[in-house]
Amino acid sequence: MILSFSEMPLDSRIWVYQSDKKIQEQELLEITTKLIEFLKNWTAHGDDLKSSFEIKYDRFLIIALNEKSTKASGCSIDACVHFIQKIEKDYSLNLLDKMNVAFKQGDYISYKSIVEFKTLIKNKSVSKNTIVFNNLVVDIEDYNNNWEVPASKSWHSRFF
């Protein structure tokens, strides 16, 4: 069962999938349609999962799950990962590589490997105040408060 993202409880579990590149408008429309269809039919042991999603900055797919009524099972999480893998394949995207960093440079979102990010720090191209995307957030409340934060307030701070 799919709900509006704004209607999801703050303790809803989330997964953030970060694309290695900006997703084009037509692809976003197609991916949105596929996400709606997937989430409408997403279940755990035959029970509907109350879920939602949003796409931010044409680059981040955020899936939310209200586990108060039905918790995700291993199989339902696997189904979601397989769905994301299919999106990756269909649109030549990289959504599952957690060893990369996305950060803001003005209005632009940069995407770099951790090694490249460390080099940017060394060259003073990014600082502790650079806004990074902390994709390790666990629920909507954490996402609202700790997803777009200065590097000094994220796991990225260990590189400074």
C-alpha atoms as a PDB file:
ATOM      1  CA  MET A   1       0.000   0.000   0.000  1.00  0.00           C
ATOM      2  CA  ILE A   2       1.449   3.328  -1.022  1.00  0.00           C
ATOM      3  CA  LEU A   3       0.881   6.507   0.980  1.00  0.00           C
ATOM      4  CA  SER A   4       1.917  10.119   0.584  1.00  0.00           C
ATOM      5  CA  PHE A   5       5.445  10.689   1.917  1.00  0.00           C
ATOM      6  CA  SER A   6       4.181  13.578   4.078  1.00  0.00           C
ATOM      7  CA  GLU A   7       1.651  11.231   5.735  1.00  0.00           C
ATOM      8  CA  MET A   8       4.274   8.729   6.842  1.00  0.00           C
ATOM      9  CA  PRO A   9       5.054   8.604  10.582  1.00  0.00           C
ATOM     10  CA  LEU A  10       8.387  10.124  11.578  1.00  0.00           C
ATOM     11  CA  ASP A  11       9.624   6.750  12.818  1.00  0.00           C
ATOM     12  CA  SER A  12       9.096   5.143   9.394  1.00  0.00           C
ATOM     13  CA  ARG A  13      12.195   3.279   8.280  1.00  0.00           C
ATOM     14  CA  ILE A  14      13.904   4.649   5.185  1.00  0.00           C
ATOM     15  CA  TRP A  15      16.420   3.630   2.586  1.00  0.00           C
ATOM     16  CA  VAL A  16      18.262   6.230   0.525  1.00  0.00           C
ATOM     17  CA  TYR A  17      19.526   5.215  -2.901  1.00  0.00           C
ATOM     18  CA  GLN A  18      21.963   7.750  -4.333  1.00  0.00           C
ATOM     19  CA  SER A  19      22.474   7.889  -8.083  1.00  0.00           C
ATOM     20  CA  ASP A  20      25.904   8.411  -9.578  1.00  0.00           C
ATOM     21  CA  LYS A  21      24.388  10.961 -11.962  1.00  0.00           C
ATOM     22  CA  LYS A  22      21.407  13.235 -12.339  1.00  0.00           C
ATOM     23  CA  ILE A  23      18.419  11.300 -13.643  1.00  0.00           C
ATOM     24  CA  GLN A  24      16.856  12.793 -16.747  1.00  0.00           C
ATOM     25  CA  GLU A  25      13.251  14.040 -16.742  1.00  0.00           C
ATOM     26  CA  GLN A  26      11.762  11.247 -18.896  1.00  0.00           C
ATOM     27  CA  GLU A  27      13.618   8.621 -16.865  1.00  0.00           C
ATOM     28  CA  LEU A  28      12.310  10.197 -13.636  1.00  0.00           C
ATOM     29  CA  LEU A  29       8.742   9.864 -14.909  1.00  0.00           C
ATOM     30  CA  GLU A  30       9.300   6.213 -15.800  1.00  0.00           C
ATOM     31  CA  ILE A  31      11.075   5.438 -12.505  1.00  0.00           C
ATOM     32  CA  THR A  32       8.279   7.164 -10.566  1.00  0.00           C
ATOM     33  CA  THR A  33       5.692   4.989 -12.312  1.00  0.00           C
ATOM     34  CA  LYS A  34       7.734   1.854 -11.570  1.00  0.00           C
ATOM     35  CA  LEU A  35       8.212   2.856  -7.917  1.00  0.00           C
ATOM     36  CA  ILE A  36       4.474   3.396  -7.487  1.00  0.00           C
ATOM     37  CA  GLU A  37       3.728   0.006  -9.010  1.00  0.00           C
ATOM     38  CA  PHE A  38       6.372  -1.755  -6.908  1.00  0.00           C
ATOM     39  CA  LEU A  39       5.258  -0.157  -3.633  1.00  0.00           C
ATOM     40  CA  LYS A  40       1.556  -0.822  -4.335  1.00  0.00           C
ATOM     41  CA  ASN A  41       2.386  -4.515  -4.456  1.00  0.00           C
ATOM     42  CA  TRP A  42       5.173  -4.666  -1.841  1.00  0.00           C
ATOM     43  CA  THR A  43       4.401  -7.256   0.833  1.00  0.00           C
ATOM     44  CA  ALA A  44       5.971  -9.133   3.732  1.00  0.00           C
ATOM     45  CA  HIS A  45       4.652 -12.676   4.177  1.00  0.00           C
ATOM     46  CA  GLY A  46       1.546 -11.742   2.204  1.00  0.00           C
ATOM     47  CA  ASP A  47       0.759  -8.610   4.224  1.00  0.00           C
ATOM     48  CA  ASP A  48       0.742  -5.225   2.484  1.00  0.00           C
ATOM     49  CA  LEU A  49       3.549  -2.883   3.488  1.00  0.00           C
ATOM     50  CA  LYS A  50       2.571   0.729   4.118  1.00  0.00           C
ATOM     51  CA  SER A  51       5.200   2.604   2.185  1.00  0.00           C
ATOM     52  CA  SER A  52       6.037   5.732   0.288  1.00  0.00           C
ATOM     53  CA  PHE A  53       8.844   7.368  -1.627  1.00  0.00           C
ATOM     54  CA  GLU A  54      10.203  10.627  -2.821  1.00  0.00           C
ATOM     55  CA  ILE A  55      12.839  11.572  -5.349  1.00  0.00           C
ATOM     56  CA  LYS A  56      15.094  14.471  -4.404  1.00  0.00           C
ATOM     57  CA  TYR A  57      17.374  16.557  -6.601  1.00  0.00           C
ATOM     58  CA  ASP A  58      16.755  14.200  -9.567  1.00  0.00           C
ATOM     59  CA  ARG A  59      19.343  11.932  -7.934  1.00  0.00           C
ATOM     60  CA  PHE A  60      18.130  10.351  -4.687  1.00  0.00           C
ATOM     61  CA  LEU A  61      15.423   7.698  -4.399  1.00  0.00           C
ATOM     62  CA  ILE A  62      14.106   7.609  -0.842  1.00  0.00           C
ATOM     63  CA  ILE A  63      11.831   4.726   0.117  1.00  0.00           C
ATOM     64  CA  ALA A  64       9.948   4.858   3.425  1.00  0.00           C
ATOM     65  CA  LEU A  65       8.228   2.030   5.276  1.00  0.00           C
ATOM     66  CA  ASN A  66       5.825   2.319   8.206  1.00  0.00           C
ATOM     67  CA  GLU A  67       6.680  -0.798  10.198  1.00  0.00           C
ATOM     68  CA  LYS A  68       4.075  -0.209  12.933  1.00  0.00           C
ATOM     69  CA  SER A  69       1.557  -2.475  11.236  1.00  0.00           C
ATOM     70  CA  THR A  70       3.829  -4.793   9.252  1.00  0.00           C
ATOM     71  CA  LYS A  71       7.600  -5.071   9.550  1.00  0.00           C
ATOM     72  CA  ALA A  72       9.803  -5.670   6.541  1.00  0.00           C
ATOM     73  CA  SER A  73      10.967  -9.247   6.204  1.00  0.00           C
ATOM     74  CA  GLY A  74      14.222 -10.441   4.688  1.00  0.00           C
ATOM     75  CA  CYS A  75      12.310 -11.402   1.569  1.00  0.00           C
ATOM     76  CA  SER A  76      10.598  -8.017   1.278  1.00  0.00           C
ATOM     77  CA  ILE A  77      13.916  -6.180   1.686  1.00  0.00           C
ATOM     78  CA  ASP A  78      15.450  -8.492  -0.930  1.00  0.00           C
ATOM     79  CA  ALA A  79      12.540  -7.687  -3.261  1.00  0.00           C
ATOM     80  CA  CYS A  80      13.241  -3.977  -2.831  1.00  0.00           C
ATOM     81  CA  VAL A  81      16.952  -4.438  -3.526  1.00  0.00           C
ATOM     82  CA  HIS A  82      16.139  -6.492  -6.640  1.00  0.00           C
ATOM     83  CA  PHE A  83      13.770  -3.732  -7.756  1.00  0.00           C
ATOM     84  CA  ILE A  84      16.553  -1.135  -7.308  1.00  0.00           C
ATOM     85  CA  GLN A  85      18.990  -3.382  -9.203  1.00  0.00           C
ATOM     86  CA  LYS A  86      16.516  -3.543 -12.088  1.00  0.00           C
ATOM     87  CA  ILE A  87      16.233   0.271 -12.088  1.00  0.00           C
ATOM     88  CA  GLU A  88      20.047   0.434 -12.161  1.00  0.00           C
ATOM     89  CA  LYS A  89      20.189  -1.898 -15.146  1.00  0.00           C
ATOM     90  CA  ASP A  90      17.285  -0.330 -17.070  1.00  0.00           C
ATOM     91  CA  TYR A  91      18.620   3.226 -16.720  1.00  0.00           C
ATOM     92  CA  SER A  92      22.399   2.649 -16.498  1.00  0.00           C
ATOM     93  CA  LEU A  93      22.512   4.069 -12.976  1.00  0.00           C
ATOM     94  CA  ASN A  94      24.589   3.190  -9.943  1.00  0.00           C
ATOM     95  CA  LEU A  95      22.283   3.338  -6.907  1.00  0.00           C
ATOM     96  CA  LEU A  96      23.766   0.774  -4.528  1.00  0.00           C
ATOM     97  CA  ASP A  97      27.424   1.822  -4.252  1.00  0.00           C
ATOM     98  CA  LYS A  98      27.791   3.140  -0.705  1.00  0.00           C
ATOM     99  CA  MET A  99      31.473   4.036  -1.179  1.00  0.00           C
ATOM    100  CA  ASN A 100      30.753   7.372  -2.821  1.00  0.00           C
ATOM    101  CA  VAL A 101      29.956  10.812  -1.478  1.00  0.00           C
ATOM    102  CA  ALA A 102      27.395  13.326  -2.721  1.00  0.00           C
ATOM    103  CA  PHE A 103      27.694  16.923  -1.615  1.00  0.00           C
ATOM    104  CA  LYS A 104      26.549  20.379  -2.596  1.00  0.00           C
ATOM    105  CA  GLN A 105      28.674  22.869  -4.445  1.00  0.00           C
ATOM    106  CA  GLY A 106      26.345  25.832  -4.662  1.00  0.00           C
ATOM    107  CA  ASP A 107      23.200  24.581  -6.406  1.00  0.00           C
ATOM    108  CA  TYR A 108      25.083  21.690  -7.990  1.00  0.00           C
ATOM    109  CA  ILE A 109      25.261  18.185  -6.488  1.00  0.00           C
ATOM    110  CA  SER A 110      28.717  16.623  -6.849  1.00  0.00           C
ATOM    111  CA  TYR A 111      29.308  12.890  -6.686  1.00  0.00           C
ATOM    112  CA  LYS A 112      32.794  11.592  -5.924  1.00  0.00           C
ATOM    113  CA  SER A 113      34.488   8.470  -4.676  1.00  0.00           C
ATOM    114  CA  ILE A 114      35.682   8.617  -1.081  1.00  0.00           C
ATOM    115  CA  VAL A 115      39.263   8.817  -2.371  1.00  0.00           C
ATOM    116  CA  GLU A 116      38.374  11.806  -4.569  1.00  0.00           C
ATOM    117  CA  PHE A 117      36.481  13.409  -1.674  1.00  0.00           C
ATOM    118  CA  LYS A 118      39.553  13.083   0.560  1.00  0.00           C
ATOM    119  CA  THR A 119      41.637  14.741  -2.157  1.00  0.00           C
ATOM    120  CA  LEU A 120      39.158  17.622  -2.323  1.00  0.00           C
ATOM    121  CA  ILE A 121      39.505  18.023   1.452  1.00  0.00           C
ATOM    122  CA  LYS A 122      43.292  18.021   1.181  1.00  0.00           C
ATOM    123  CA  ASN A 123      43.093  20.664  -1.570  1.00  0.00           C
ATOM    124  CA  LYS A 124      40.624  22.665   0.538  1.00  0.00           C
ATOM    125  CA  SER A 125      37.971  22.411  -2.200  1.00  0.00           C
ATOM    126  CA  VAL A 126      35.530  21.149   0.430  1.00  0.00           C
ATOM    127  CA  SER A 127      35.414  21.933   4.128  1.00  0.00           C
ATOM    128  CA  LYS A 128      33.709  20.847   7.334  1.00  0.00           C
ATOM    129  CA  ASN A 129      30.936  23.274   6.353  1.00  0.00           C
ATOM    130  CA  THR A 130      30.300  21.657   2.962  1.00  0.00           C
ATOM    131  CA  ILE A 131      26.759  20.267   2.853  1.00  0.00           C
ATOM    132  CA  VAL A 132      26.885  16.494   2.420  1.00  0.00           C
ATOM    133  CA  PHE A 133      24.168  13.879   2.082  1.00  0.00           C
ATOM    134  CA  ASN A 134      24.233  11.460   4.987  1.00  0.00           C
ATOM    135  CA  ASN A 135      22.567   8.419   3.441  1.00  0.00           C
ATOM    136  CA  LEU A 136      22.967   6.437   6.680  1.00  0.00           C
ATOM    137  CA  VAL A 137      19.837   8.022   8.151  1.00  0.00           C
ATOM    138  CA  VAL A 138      17.447   5.385   9.486  1.00  0.00           C
ATOM    139  CA  ASP A 139      13.988   6.920   9.658  1.00  0.00           C
ATOM    140  CA  ILE A 140      12.077   9.947   8.403  1.00  0.00           C
ATOM    141  CA  GLU A 141      12.830  12.028  11.491  1.00  0.00           C
ATOM    142  CA  ASP A 142      16.558  11.303  11.091  1.00  0.00           C
ATOM    143  CA  TYR A 143      16.244  12.026   7.371  1.00  0.00           C
ATOM    144  CA  ASN A 144      14.525  15.367   8.028  1.00  0.00           C
ATOM    145  CA  ASN A 145      17.170  16.439  10.546  1.00  0.00           C
ATOM    146  CA  ASN A 146      20.407  14.741   9.486  1.00  0.00           C
ATOM    147  CA  TRP A 147      20.376  13.994   5.775  1.00  0.00           C
ATOM    148  CA  GLU A 148      21.563  17.341   4.364  1.00  0.00           C
ATOM    149  CA  VAL A 149      24.102  18.512   6.918  1.00  0.00           C
ATOM    150  CA  PRO A 150      27.544  20.104   7.149  1.00  0.00           C
ATOM    151  CA  ALA A 151      30.239  17.436   6.798  1.00  0.00           C
ATOM    152  CA  SER A 152      31.263  18.154  10.405  1.00  0.00           C
ATOM    153  CA  LYS A 153      27.888  16.765  11.574  1.00  0.00           C
ATOM    154  CA  SER A 154      27.964  13.573   9.534  1.00  0.00           C
ATOM    155  CA  TRP A 155      30.013  10.405   9.237  1.00  0.00           C
ATOM    156  CA  HIS A 156      32.067  12.396   6.697  1.00  0.00           C
ATOM    157  CA  SER A 157      33.650  14.318   9.595  1.00  0.00           C
ATOM    158  CA  ARG A 158      36.208  11.540  10.127  1.00  0.00           C
ATOM    159  CA  PHE A 159      37.974  12.637   6.923  1.00  0.00           C
ATOM    160  CA  PHE A 160      38.851  16.083   8.293  1.00  0.00           C
END
